[in-house]
Each structure stands twice: as structure tokens, then as C-alpha cells.
Amino acid sequence: MGLPQCVRDAKKIDFGVPISGYLCCAEFQPPCVIGVVFSETRGRFTDGKTIRTSLVERVYELRGYQLCETHNGSRYVVCHWWYENGAAPEVNMIH
């Protein structure tokens, strides 16, 4: 499976911190984020797999992207949110 363009674009950026994976179609469902993962570095998930993160402890913006840090120490780059595909806006989204 090839990487989506949004993931290829995000991977070009040096975030200055270790990245565990890149999420597409991400949706915040407290206390986790669900999304389609790509380039996951720990070898747990194949590209295109839908995952649910562990407890999200911090969401912040860096270099124009939102990063989600989890209780288990993972850090995911959100390449785009689910609602950006034309779906209804997410009312529980962290700002």
C-alpha cells in the first residue's frame, strides 16, 4: 500500500521529537484517538490499519500539525481529521 499524500507531506517535516506514526481520518473519542495509521515505528500496526490509541495525555500543535502524545509514550502526527473529509464536525475535539 502506498502512503497517502498527506502522510508523505508530514513525513518530510523534522518535528524534532520521535514520531510513532501518522494518523489519517483521525477522530478524537475521549480518552483516545481513532485513526488510520501509517509508518508506525514500533512494528505493531501495518500501514492502513485502523487503530485506537492509548489514553491521550497531550495534544499540541507543532510545525502546522497536531501531535497526540499517549499514556504509553507514543506520539502520533495527525495528518488530517475525520471531519475534514466532509463529515460532520467533531464536537468533542480538543482545541
Protein backbone atom coordinates (compact mmCIF):
# COMPACT_ATOMS: atom_id res chain seq x y z
CA MET A 1 0.00 0.00 0.00
CA GLY A 2 1.37 3.40 -0.95
CA LEU A 3 1.38 6.24 1.50
CA PRO A 4 -1.31 8.91 1.14
CA GLN A 5 0.00 12.30 0.00
CA CYS A 6 -0.88 13.89 3.37
CA VAL A 7 1.37 11.34 5.11
CA ARG A 8 4.20 11.83 2.62
CA ASP A 9 3.96 15.60 3.22
CA ALA A 10 4.03 15.20 7.01
CA LYS A 11 6.99 12.80 6.89
CA LYS A 12 9.10 15.49 5.18
CA ILE A 13 8.93 17.64 8.31
CA ASP A 14 11.51 17.41 11.09
CA PHE A 15 9.36 17.66 14.21
CA GLY A 16 12.43 17.45 16.45
CA VAL A 17 10.82 14.69 18.53
CA PRO A 18 10.39 10.94 17.91
CA ILE A 19 7.21 10.14 15.95
CA SER A 20 5.46 6.80 16.49
CA GLY A 21 3.16 7.03 13.48
CA TYR A 22 0.98 9.19 11.26
CA LEU A 23 -2.82 9.21 11.50
CA CYS A 24 -5.32 9.89 8.75
CA CYS A 25 -9.07 10.27 9.26
CA ALA A 26 -8.35 10.81 12.95
CA GLU A 27 -11.27 11.18 15.32
CA PHE A 28 -11.00 12.20 18.95
CA GLN A 29 -13.06 9.81 21.06
CA PRO A 30 -12.15 10.61 24.64
CA PRO A 31 -9.89 9.48 26.08
CA CYS A 32 -8.37 8.12 22.84
CA VAL A 33 -7.88 8.96 19.19
CA ILE A 34 -9.01 6.59 16.46
CA GLY A 35 -7.47 6.76 13.01
CA VAL A 36 -5.85 5.01 10.09
CA VAL A 37 -2.16 4.64 10.89
CA PHE A 38 0.83 4.77 8.55
CA SER A 39 4.59 4.39 9.13
CA GLU A 40 4.13 3.13 12.70
CA THR A 41 7.65 2.71 14.08
CA ARG A 42 7.18 0.00 16.71
CA GLY A 43 6.04 -2.63 14.22
CA ARG A 44 2.69 -3.21 15.89
CA PHE A 45 0.47 -1.99 13.05
CA THR A 46 0.66 -2.29 9.27
CA ASP A 47 0.00 0.69 7.02
CA GLY A 48 -3.70 1.36 6.59
CA LYS A 49 -4.77 -0.32 9.84
CA THR A 50 -7.42 1.46 11.91
CA ILE A 51 -6.18 1.86 15.48
CA ARG A 52 -7.31 3.27 18.80
CA THR A 53 -4.51 4.92 20.74
CA SER A 54 -3.97 4.52 24.43
CA LEU A 55 -5.09 7.39 26.68
CA VAL A 56 -4.19 10.71 25.04
CA GLU A 57 -2.44 12.87 27.63
CA ARG A 58 -1.47 15.83 25.48
CA VAL A 59 -2.40 17.34 22.11
CA TYR A 60 -0.36 20.23 20.77
CA GLU A 61 0.48 21.94 17.51
CA LEU A 62 3.95 21.71 16.04
CA ARG A 63 5.03 22.83 12.57
CA GLY A 64 1.40 23.16 11.45
CA TYR A 65 0.31 19.69 12.59
CA GLN A 66 -1.38 18.44 15.73
CA LEU A 67 0.56 15.83 17.66
CA CYS A 68 -1.03 13.45 20.16
CA GLU A 69 1.07 12.05 23.00
CA THR A 70 -0.29 8.97 24.72
CA HIS A 71 -0.01 7.44 28.17
CA ASN A 72 2.09 4.62 26.70
CA GLY A 73 4.64 7.08 25.33
CA SER A 74 3.59 7.08 21.68
CA ARG A 75 3.45 10.28 19.67
CA TYR A 76 1.24 10.45 16.58
CA VAL A 77 1.09 13.15 13.92
CA VAL A 78 -2.47 13.88 12.81
CA CYS A 79 -2.26 14.30 9.03
CA HIS A 80 -5.94 15.12 8.86
CA TRP A 81 -9.05 14.80 10.98
CA TRP A 82 -12.06 12.70 10.01
CA TYR A 83 -14.34 15.75 9.77
CA GLU A 84 -12.01 17.28 7.16
CA ASN A 85 -13.26 14.65 4.70
CA GLY A 86 -16.62 16.42 4.58
CA ALA A 87 -18.15 14.61 7.54
CA ALA A 88 -19.96 16.45 10.33
CA PRO A 89 -17.63 18.40 12.64
CA GLU A 90 -16.45 16.62 15.77
CA VAL A 91 -17.93 18.32 18.83
CA ASN A 92 -15.57 16.62 21.31
CA MET A 93 -12.38 17.72 19.57
CA ILE A 94 -9.55 19.08 21.67
CA HIS A 95 -8.65 22.64 20.71
